[in-house]
Amino acid sequence: MGGMKFCYECEYFPCERLWEFVNFNPGKSFAHFRHIAIENLKRMSEVGCEQWAREMHDKMLMGTYTILRRDSSGRLDNSPCACVKKKEQNR
């Protein structure tokens, strides 16, 4: 909408609608990494989309930024990201 490709191009970034998206959490694995969407968009704004994509690819290869991590037995790890686990521990 508004002729922009990314939210960070908007004068209202980050808007209420984006904050609602970031905070929406109907289940642990559903919201995996959703909470850092604004951080990612800010980084895209700083370095450009191509550089951001390279950074995400490198993080994925290192296993630090992917939903499809494997656990010690080689199965896909569907556990929530560390921030969700931390929130649960602080309750």
PDB file of N, CA and C in Angstrom:
ATOM      1  N   MET A   1       0.834  -1.183   0.000  1.00  0.00           N
ATOM      2  CA  MET A   1       0.000   0.000   0.000  1.00  0.00           C
ATOM      3  C   MET A   1       0.880   1.248   0.000  1.00  0.00           C
ATOM      4  N   GLY A   2       0.393   2.287  -0.583  1.00  0.00           N
ATOM      5  CA  GLY A   2       1.106   3.547  -0.548  1.00  0.00           C
ATOM      6  C   GLY A   2       2.333   3.588  -1.433  1.00  0.00           C
ATOM      7  N   GLY A   3       2.518   2.598  -2.317  1.00  0.00           N
ATOM      8  CA  GLY A   3       3.640   2.591  -3.237  1.00  0.00           C
ATOM      9  C   GLY A   3       4.973   2.218  -2.619  1.00  0.00           C
ATOM     10  N   MET A   4       4.955   1.673  -1.432  1.00  0.00           N
ATOM     11  CA  MET A   4       6.195   1.277  -0.763  1.00  0.00           C
ATOM     12  C   MET A   4       6.327  -0.237  -0.770  1.00  0.00           C
ATOM     13  N   LYS A   5       7.561  -0.701  -0.780  1.00  0.00           N
ATOM     14  CA  LYS A   5       7.806  -2.144  -0.752  1.00  0.00           C
ATOM     15  C   LYS A   5       7.953  -2.666   0.669  1.00  0.00           C
ATOM     16  N   PHE A   6       8.485  -1.845   1.562  1.00  0.00           N
ATOM     17  CA  PHE A   6       8.769  -2.288   2.918  1.00  0.00           C
ATOM     18  C   PHE A   6       8.238  -1.278   3.931  1.00  0.00           C
ATOM     19  N   CYS A   7       7.852  -1.786   5.071  1.00  0.00           N
ATOM     20  CA  CYS A   7       7.307  -0.937   6.134  1.00  0.00           C
ATOM     21  C   CYS A   7       8.264   0.185   6.526  1.00  0.00           C
ATOM     22  N   TYR A   8       9.561  -0.090   6.538  1.00  0.00           N
ATOM     23  CA  TYR A   8      10.517   0.915   6.992  1.00  0.00           C
ATOM     24  C   TYR A   8      10.533   2.161   6.107  1.00  0.00           C
ATOM     25  N   GLU A   9       9.957   2.085   4.916  1.00  0.00           N
ATOM     26  CA  GLU A   9       9.899   3.241   4.024  1.00  0.00           C
ATOM     27  C   GLU A   9       8.800   4.221   4.420  1.00  0.00           C
ATOM     28  N   CYS A  10       7.917   3.811   5.286  1.00  0.00           N
ATOM     29  CA  CYS A  10       6.756   4.612   5.674  1.00  0.00           C
ATOM     30  C   CYS A  10       7.105   5.591   6.792  1.00  0.00           C
ATOM     31  N   GLU A  11       6.514   6.761   6.737  1.00  0.00           N
ATOM     32  CA  GLU A  11       6.761   7.765   7.774  1.00  0.00           C
ATOM     33  C   GLU A  11       6.203   7.332   9.135  1.00  0.00           C
ATOM     34  N   TYR A  12       5.292   6.365   9.143  1.00  0.00           N
ATOM     35  CA  TYR A  12       4.694   5.910  10.396  1.00  0.00           C
ATOM     36  C   TYR A  12       5.375   4.671  10.966  1.00  0.00           C
ATOM     37  N   PHE A  13       6.462   4.245  10.360  1.00  0.00           N
ATOM     38  CA  PHE A  13       7.187   3.050  10.822  1.00  0.00           C
ATOM     39  C   PHE A  13       7.852   3.303  12.159  1.00  0.00           C
ATOM     40  N   PRO A  14       7.720   2.387  13.100  1.00  0.00           N
ATOM     41  CA  PRO A  14       6.837   1.229  13.130  1.00  0.00           C
ATOM     42  C   PRO A  14       5.443   1.636  13.611  1.00  0.00           C
ATOM     43  N   CYS A  15       4.445   1.224  12.871  1.00  0.00           N
ATOM     44  CA  CYS A  15       3.064   1.630  13.161  1.00  0.00           C
ATOM     45  C   CYS A  15       2.386   0.647  14.119  1.00  0.00           C
ATOM     46  N   GLU A  16       1.188   1.007  14.515  1.00  0.00           N
ATOM     47  CA  GLU A  16       0.416   0.168  15.437  1.00  0.00           C
ATOM     48  C   GLU A  16       0.136  -1.203  14.830  1.00  0.00           C
ATOM     49  N   ARG A  17      -0.149  -1.240  13.545  1.00  0.00           N
ATOM     50  CA  ARG A  17      -0.434  -2.517  12.882  1.00  0.00           C
ATOM     51  C   ARG A  17       0.780  -3.445  12.925  1.00  0.00           C
ATOM     52  N   LEU A  18       1.955  -2.895  12.724  1.00  0.00           N
ATOM     53  CA  LEU A  18       3.178  -3.702  12.784  1.00  0.00           C
ATOM     54  C   LEU A  18       3.441  -4.174  14.208  1.00  0.00           C
ATOM     55  N   TRP A  19       3.218  -3.307  15.186  1.00  0.00           N
ATOM     56  CA  TRP A  19       3.393  -3.714  16.580  1.00  0.00           C
ATOM     57  C   TRP A  19       2.435  -4.851  16.940  1.00  0.00           C
ATOM     58  N   GLU A  20       1.198  -4.796  16.428  1.00  0.00           N
ATOM     59  CA  GLU A  20       0.246  -5.876  16.676  1.00  0.00           C
ATOM     60  C   GLU A  20       0.756  -7.183  16.075  1.00  0.00           C
ATOM     61  N   PHE A  21       1.310  -7.113  14.862  1.00  0.00           N
ATOM     62  CA  PHE A  21       1.880  -8.293  14.222  1.00  0.00           C
ATOM     63  C   PHE A  21       3.021  -8.868  15.060  1.00  0.00           C
ATOM     64  N   VAL A  22       3.910  -8.008  15.510  1.00  0.00           N
ATOM     65  CA  VAL A  22       5.075  -8.435  16.285  1.00  0.00           C
ATOM     66  C   VAL A  22       4.657  -9.091  17.597  1.00  0.00           C
ATOM     67  N   ASN A  23       3.633  -8.555  18.225  1.00  0.00           N
ATOM     68  CA  ASN A  23       3.221  -9.057  19.536  1.00  0.00           C
ATOM     69  C   ASN A  23       2.203 -10.186  19.484  1.00  0.00           C
ATOM     70  N   PHE A  24       1.681 -10.518  18.304  1.00  0.00           N
ATOM     71  CA  PHE A  24       0.702 -11.594  18.160  1.00  0.00           C
ATOM     72  C   PHE A  24       1.391 -12.919  18.443  1.00  0.00           C
ATOM     73  N   ASN A  25       0.879 -13.671  19.379  1.00  0.00           N
ATOM     74  CA  ASN A  25       1.528 -14.907  19.786  1.00  0.00           C
ATOM     75  C   ASN A  25       0.502 -15.960  20.194  1.00  0.00           C
ATOM     76  N   PRO A  26      -0.163 -16.592  19.189  1.00  0.00           N
ATOM     77  CA  PRO A  26      -1.158 -17.601  19.541  1.00  0.00           C
ATOM     78  C   PRO A  26      -0.556 -18.928  19.989  1.00  0.00           C
ATOM     79  N   GLY A  27       0.713 -19.117  19.717  1.00  0.00           N
ATOM     80  CA  GLY A  27       1.381 -20.352  20.112  1.00  0.00           C
ATOM     81  C   GLY A  27       2.877 -20.170  19.999  1.00  0.00           C
ATOM     82  N   LYS A  28       3.622 -20.904  20.772  1.00  0.00           N
ATOM     83  CA  LYS A  28       5.065 -20.703  20.859  1.00  0.00           C
ATOM     84  C   LYS A  28       5.762 -20.769  19.509  1.00  0.00           C
ATOM     85  N   SER A  29       5.555 -21.835  18.748  1.00  0.00           N
ATOM     86  CA  SER A  29       6.301 -21.972  17.498  1.00  0.00           C
ATOM     87  C   SER A  29       5.732 -21.097  16.389  1.00  0.00           C
ATOM     88  N   PHE A  30       4.444 -20.749  16.465  1.00  0.00           N
ATOM     89  CA  PHE A  30       3.830 -19.899  15.441  1.00  0.00           C
ATOM     90  C   PHE A  30       4.505 -18.537  15.378  1.00  0.00           C
ATOM     91  N   ALA A  31       4.829 -17.995  16.511  1.00  0.00           N
ATOM     92  CA  ALA A  31       5.390 -16.644  16.572  1.00  0.00           C
ATOM     93  C   ALA A  31       6.916 -16.635  16.534  1.00  0.00           C
ATOM     94  N   HIS A  32       7.502 -17.725  16.139  1.00  0.00           N
ATOM     95  CA  HIS A  32       8.948 -17.858  16.112  1.00  0.00           C
ATOM     96  C   HIS A  32       9.581 -16.736  15.301  1.00  0.00           C
ATOM     97  N   PHE A  33      10.411 -15.957  15.907  1.00  0.00           N
ATOM     98  CA  PHE A  33      11.137 -14.833  15.315  1.00  0.00           C
ATOM     99  C   PHE A  33      10.251 -13.669  14.887  1.00  0.00           C
ATOM    100  N   ARG A  34       8.954 -13.758  15.062  1.00  0.00           N
ATOM    101  CA  ARG A  34       8.050 -12.670  14.711  1.00  0.00           C
ATOM    102  C   ARG A  34       8.382 -11.428  15.539  1.00  0.00           C
ATOM    103  N   HIS A  35       8.825 -11.633  16.769  1.00  0.00           N
ATOM    104  CA  HIS A  35       9.084 -10.537  17.691  1.00  0.00           C
ATOM    105  C   HIS A  35      10.226  -9.622  17.243  1.00  0.00           C
ATOM    106  N   ILE A  36      11.047 -10.058  16.305  1.00  0.00           N
ATOM    107  CA  ILE A  36      12.144  -9.196  15.865  1.00  0.00           C
ATOM    108  C   ILE A  36      11.935  -8.677  14.442  1.00  0.00           C
ATOM    109  N   ALA A  37      10.693  -8.688  13.976  1.00  0.00           N
ATOM    110  CA  ALA A  37      10.398  -8.176  12.635  1.00  0.00           C
ATOM    111  C   ALA A  37      10.801  -6.711  12.504  1.00  0.00           C
ATOM    112  N   ILE A  38      10.516  -5.913  13.510  1.00  0.00           N
ATOM    113  CA  ILE A  38      10.853  -4.489  13.452  1.00  0.00           C
ATOM    114  C   ILE A  38      12.369  -4.313  13.439  1.00  0.00           C
ATOM    115  N   GLU A  39      13.061  -5.069  14.260  1.00  0.00           N
ATOM    116  CA  GLU A  39      14.527  -5.018  14.276  1.00  0.00           C
ATOM    117  C   GLU A  39      15.087  -5.381  12.898  1.00  0.00           C
ATOM    118  N   ASN A  40      14.525  -6.412  12.279  1.00  0.00           N
ATOM    119  CA  ASN A  40      14.979  -6.813  10.948  1.00  0.00           C
ATOM    120  C   ASN A  40      14.700  -5.732   9.912  1.00  0.00           C
ATOM    121  N   LEU A  41      13.541  -5.123   9.970  1.00  0.00           N
ATOM    122  CA  LEU A  41      13.213  -4.058   9.028  1.00  0.00           C
ATOM    123  C   LEU A  41      14.137  -2.853   9.209  1.00  0.00           C
ATOM    124  N   LYS A  42      14.467  -2.535  10.443  1.00  0.00           N
ATOM    125  CA  LYS A  42      15.415  -1.440  10.686  1.00  0.00           C
ATOM    126  C   LYS A  42      16.780  -1.773  10.089  1.00  0.00           C
ATOM    127  N   ARG A  43      17.207  -3.016  10.253  1.00  0.00           N
ATOM    128  CA  ARG A  43      18.499  -3.421   9.696  1.00  0.00           C
ATOM    129  C   ARG A  43      18.474  -3.354   8.168  1.00  0.00           C
ATOM    130  N   MET A  44      17.370  -3.771   7.558  1.00  0.00           N
ATOM    131  CA  MET A  44      17.231  -3.681   6.110  1.00  0.00           C
ATOM    132  C   MET A  44      17.355  -2.234   5.648  1.00  0.00           C
ATOM    133  N   SER A  45      16.775  -1.348   6.417  1.00  0.00           N
ATOM    134  CA  SER A  45      16.835   0.074   6.092  1.00  0.00           C
ATOM    135  C   SER A  45      18.275   0.587   6.154  1.00  0.00           C
ATOM    136  N   GLU A  46      19.032   0.091   7.121  1.00  0.00           N
ATOM    137  CA  GLU A  46      20.419   0.544   7.320  1.00  0.00           C
ATOM    138  C   GLU A  46      21.367   0.028   6.241  1.00  0.00           C
ATOM    139  N   VAL A  47      21.255  -1.260   5.891  1.00  0.00           N
ATOM    140  CA  VAL A  47      22.261  -1.872   5.012  1.00  0.00           C
ATOM    141  C   VAL A  47      21.745  -2.234   3.624  1.00  0.00           C
ATOM    142  N   GLY A  48      20.448  -2.128   3.415  1.00  0.00           N
ATOM    143  CA  GLY A  48      19.856  -2.525   2.141  1.00  0.00           C
ATOM    144  C   GLY A  48      19.416  -3.980   2.175  1.00  0.00           C
ATOM    145  N   CYS A  49      18.481  -4.291   1.314  1.00  0.00           N
ATOM    146  CA  CYS A  49      17.874  -5.627   1.318  1.00  0.00           C
ATOM    147  C   CYS A  49      18.850  -6.728   0.942  1.00  0.00           C
ATOM    148  N   GLU A  50      19.692  -6.472  -0.052  1.00  0.00           N
ATOM    149  CA  GLU A  50      20.623  -7.513  -0.477  1.00  0.00           C
ATOM    150  C   GLU A  50      21.624  -7.861   0.619  1.00  0.00           C
ATOM    151  N   GLN A  51      22.180  -6.856   1.281  1.00  0.00           N
ATOM    152  CA  GLN A  51      23.130  -7.104   2.368  1.00  0.00           C
ATOM    153  C   GLN A  51      22.427  -7.791   3.530  1.00  0.00           C
ATOM    154  N   TRP A  52      21.226  -7.352   3.851  1.00  0.00           N
ATOM    155  CA  TRP A  52      20.455  -7.972   4.934  1.00  0.00           C
ATOM    156  C   TRP A  52      20.225  -9.450   4.627  1.00  0.00           C
ATOM    157  N   ALA A  53      19.862  -9.756   3.382  1.00  0.00           N
ATOM    158  CA  ALA A  53      19.623 -11.148   2.998  1.00  0.00           C
ATOM    159  C   ALA A  53      20.900 -11.970   3.134  1.00  0.00           C
ATOM    160  N   ARG A  54      22.039 -11.389   2.761  1.00  0.00           N
ATOM    161  CA  ARG A  54      23.320 -12.103   2.930  1.00  0.00           C
ATOM    162  C   ARG A  54      23.591 -12.369   4.410  1.00  0.00           C
ATOM    163  N   GLU A  55      23.336 -11.364   5.248  1.00  0.00           N
ATOM    164  CA  GLU A  55      23.544 -11.535   6.693  1.00  0.00           C
ATOM    165  C   GLU A  55      22.648 -12.639   7.244  1.00  0.00           C
ATOM    166  N   MET A  56      21.384 -12.676   6.826  1.00  0.00           N
ATOM    167  CA  MET A  56      20.459 -13.705   7.302  1.00  0.00           C
ATOM    168  C   MET A  56      20.899 -15.082   6.809  1.00  0.00           C
ATOM    169  N   HIS A  57      21.375 -15.142   5.573  1.00  0.00           N
ATOM    170  CA  HIS A  57      21.856 -16.414   5.035  1.00  0.00           C
ATOM    171  C   HIS A  57      23.046 -16.921   5.850  1.00  0.00           C
ATOM    172  N   ASP A  58      23.974 -16.021   6.156  1.00  0.00           N
ATOM    173  CA  ASP A  58      25.138 -16.411   6.960  1.00  0.00           C
ATOM    174  C   ASP A  58      24.708 -16.879   8.347  1.00  0.00           C
ATOM    175  N   LYS A  59      23.769 -16.170   8.957  1.00  0.00           N
ATOM    176  CA  LYS A  59      23.277 -16.581  10.276  1.00  0.00           C
ATOM    177  C   LYS A  59      22.585 -17.938  10.200  1.00  0.00           C
ATOM    178  N   MET A  60      21.839 -18.164   9.119  1.00  0.00           N
ATOM    179  CA  MET A  60      21.174 -19.447   8.951  1.00  0.00           C
ATOM    180  C   MET A  60      22.197 -20.573   8.840  1.00  0.00           C
ATOM    181  N   LEU A  61      23.248 -20.343   8.052  1.00  0.00           N
ATOM    182  CA  LEU A  61      24.277 -21.371   7.892  1.00  0.00           C
ATOM    183  C   LEU A  61      24.982 -21.675   9.209  1.00  0.00           C
ATOM    184  N   MET A  62      25.107 -20.681  10.069  1.00  0.00           N
ATOM    185  CA  MET A  62      25.746 -20.881  11.373  1.00  0.00           C
ATOM    186  C   MET A  62      24.768 -21.481  12.381  1.00  0.00           C
ATOM    187  N   GLY A  63      23.488 -21.571  12.005  1.00  0.00           N
ATOM    188  CA  GLY A  63      22.480 -22.138  12.900  1.00  0.00           C
ATOM    189  C   GLY A  63      21.988 -21.179  13.956  1.00  0.00           C
ATOM    190  N   THR A  64      22.247 -19.882  13.782  1.00  0.00           N
ATOM    191  CA  THR A  64      21.828 -18.918  14.800  1.00  0.00           C
ATOM    192  C   THR A  64      20.525 -18.218  14.450  1.00  0.00           C
ATOM    193  N   TYR A  65      20.009 -18.442  13.251  1.00  0.00           N
ATOM    194  CA  TYR A  65      18.794 -17.729  12.853  1.00  0.00           C
ATOM    195  C   TYR A  65      17.993 -18.562  11.877  1.00  0.00           C
ATOM    196  N   THR A  66      17.384 -19.582  12.379  1.00  0.00           N
ATOM    197  CA  THR A  66      16.532 -20.389  11.523  1.00  0.00           C
ATOM    198  C   THR A  66      15.521 -21.154  12.351  1.00  0.00           C
ATOM    199  N   ILE A  67      14.362 -21.339  11.799  1.00  0.00           N
ATOM    200  CA  ILE A  67      13.336 -22.141  12.457  1.00  0.00           C
ATOM    201  C   ILE A  67      13.648 -23.622  12.265  1.00  0.00           C
ATOM    202  N   LEU A  68      14.348 -23.929  11.200  1.00  0.00           N
ATOM    203  CA  LEU A  68      14.583 -25.321  10.852  1.00  0.00           C
ATOM    204  C   LEU A  68      15.869 -25.878  11.429  1.00  0.00           C
ATOM    205  N   ARG A  69      16.186 -25.511  12.666  1.00  0.00           N
ATOM    206  CA  ARG A  69      17.348 -26.098  13.342  1.00  0.00           C
ATOM    207  C   ARG A  69      17.101 -27.570  13.607  1.00  0.00           C
ATOM    208  N   ARG A  70      18.151 -28.293  13.750  1.00  0.00           N
ATOM    209  CA  ARG A  70      18.037 -29.710  14.085  1.00  0.00           C
ATOM    210  C   ARG A  70      18.513 -29.928  15.516  1.00  0.00           C
ATOM    211  N   ASP A  71      17.832 -30.825  16.220  1.00  0.00           N
ATOM    212  CA  ASP A  71      18.255 -31.130  17.584  1.00  0.00           C
ATOM    213  C   ASP A  71      19.401 -32.136  17.536  1.00  0.00           C
ATOM    214  N   SER A  72      19.865 -32.572  18.688  1.00  0.00           N
ATOM    215  CA  SER A  72      21.041 -33.449  18.764  1.00  0.00           C
ATOM    216  C   SER A  72      20.831 -34.788  18.070  1.00  0.00           C
ATOM    217  N   SER A  73      19.584 -35.216  17.903  1.00  0.00           N
ATOM    218  CA  SER A  73      19.316 -36.490  17.225  1.00  0.00           C
ATOM    219  C   SER A  73      19.096 -36.316  15.719  1.00  0.00           C
ATOM    220  N   GLY A  74      19.172 -35.069  15.232  1.00  0.00           N
ATOM    221  CA  GLY A  74      19.015 -34.819  13.808  1.00  0.00           C
ATOM    222  C   GLY A  74      17.594 -34.477  13.380  1.00  0.00           C
ATOM    223  N   ARG A  75      16.652 -34.545  14.316  1.00  0.00           N
ATOM    224  CA  ARG A  75      15.270 -34.176  13.986  1.00  0.00           C
ATOM    225  C   ARG A  75      15.126 -32.661  13.974  1.00  0.00           C
ATOM    226  N   LEU A  76      14.129 -32.179  13.208  1.00  0.00           N
ATOM    227  CA  LEU A  76      13.876 -30.745  13.203  1.00  0.00           C
ATOM    228  C   LEU A  76      13.468 -30.291  14.595  1.00  0.00           C
ATOM    229  N   ASP A  77      14.054 -29.212  15.034  1.00  0.00           N
ATOM    230  CA  ASP A  77      13.792 -28.661  16.361  1.00  0.00           C
ATOM    231  C   ASP A  77      12.668 -27.638  16.248  1.00  0.00           C
ATOM    232  N   ASN A  78      11.514 -27.974  16.768  1.00  0.00           N
ATOM    233  CA  ASN A  78      10.361 -27.077  16.720  1.00  0.00           C
ATOM    234  C   ASN A  78      10.160 -26.297  18.009  1.00  0.00           C
ATOM    235  N   SER A  79      11.154 -26.288  18.859  1.00  0.00           N
ATOM    236  CA  SER A  79      11.006 -25.587  20.133  1.00  0.00           C
ATOM    237  C   SER A  79      10.982 -24.077  19.899  1.00  0.00           C
ATOM    238  N   PRO A  80      10.391 -23.332  20.823  1.00  0.00           N
ATOM    239  CA  PRO A  80      10.355 -21.874  20.660  1.00  0.00           C
ATOM    240  C   PRO A  80      11.739 -21.267  20.771  1.00  0.00           C
ATOM    241  N   CYS A  81      11.880 -20.076  20.237  1.00  0.00           N
ATOM    242  CA  CYS A  81      13.175 -19.403  20.306  1.00  0.00           C
ATOM    243  C   CYS A  81      13.491 -19.025  21.754  1.00  0.00           C
ATOM    244  N   ALA A  82      14.709 -18.635  21.969  1.00  0.00           N
ATOM    245  CA  ALA A  82      15.205 -18.407  23.333  1.00  0.00           C
ATOM    246  C   ALA A  82      14.409 -17.357  24.086  1.00  0.00           C
ATOM    247  N   CYS A  83      13.923 -16.328  23.428  1.00  0.00           N
ATOM    248  CA  CYS A  83      13.196 -15.281  24.153  1.00  0.00           C
ATOM    249  C   CYS A  83      11.889 -15.811  24.720  1.00  0.00           C
ATOM    250  N   VAL A  84      11.237 -16.711  24.019  1.00  0.00           N
ATOM    251  CA  VAL A  84       9.995 -17.291  24.529  1.00  0.00           C
ATOM    252  C   VAL A  84      10.305 -18.126  25.758  1.00  0.00           C
ATOM    253  N   LYS A  85      11.361 -18.911  25.687  1.00  0.00           N
ATOM    254  CA  LYS A  85      11.759 -19.729  26.836  1.00  0.00           C
ATOM    255  C   LYS A  85      12.088 -18.841  28.035  1.00  0.00           C
ATOM    256  N   LYS A  86      12.766 -17.719  27.783  1.00  0.00           N
ATOM    257  CA  LYS A  86      13.152 -16.811  28.863  1.00  0.00           C
ATOM    258  C   LYS A  86      11.915 -16.192  29.513  1.00  0.00           C
ATOM    259  N   LYS A  87      10.932 -15.788  28.694  1.00  0.00           N
ATOM    260  CA  LYS A  87       9.696 -15.216  29.229  1.00  0.00           C
ATOM    261  C   LYS A  87       8.989 -16.225  30.137  1.00  0.00           C
ATOM    262  N   GLU A  88       8.974 -17.505  29.722  1.00  0.00           N
ATOM    263  CA  GLU A  88       8.315 -18.533  30.518  1.00  0.00           C
ATOM    264  C   GLU A  88       9.040 -18.742  31.847  1.00  0.00           C
ATOM    265  N   GLN A  89      10.352 -18.652  31.862  1.00  0.00           N
ATOM    266  CA  GLN A  89      11.119 -18.839  33.083  1.00  0.00           C
ATOM    267  C   GLN A  89      10.904 -17.687  34.058  1.00  0.00           C
ATOM    268  N   ASN A  90      10.624 -16.496  33.542  1.00  0.00           N
ATOM    269  CA  ASN A  90      10.447 -15.315  34.388  1.00  0.00           C
ATOM    270  C   ASN A  90       9.041 -15.189  34.949  1.00  0.00           C
ATOM    271  N   ARG A  91       8.158 -16.085  34.580  1.00  0.00           N
ATOM    272  CA  ARG A  91       6.778 -16.017  35.085  1.00  0.00           C
ATOM    273  C   ARG A  91       6.681 -16.428  36.519  1.00  0.00           C
TER     274      ARG A  91
END
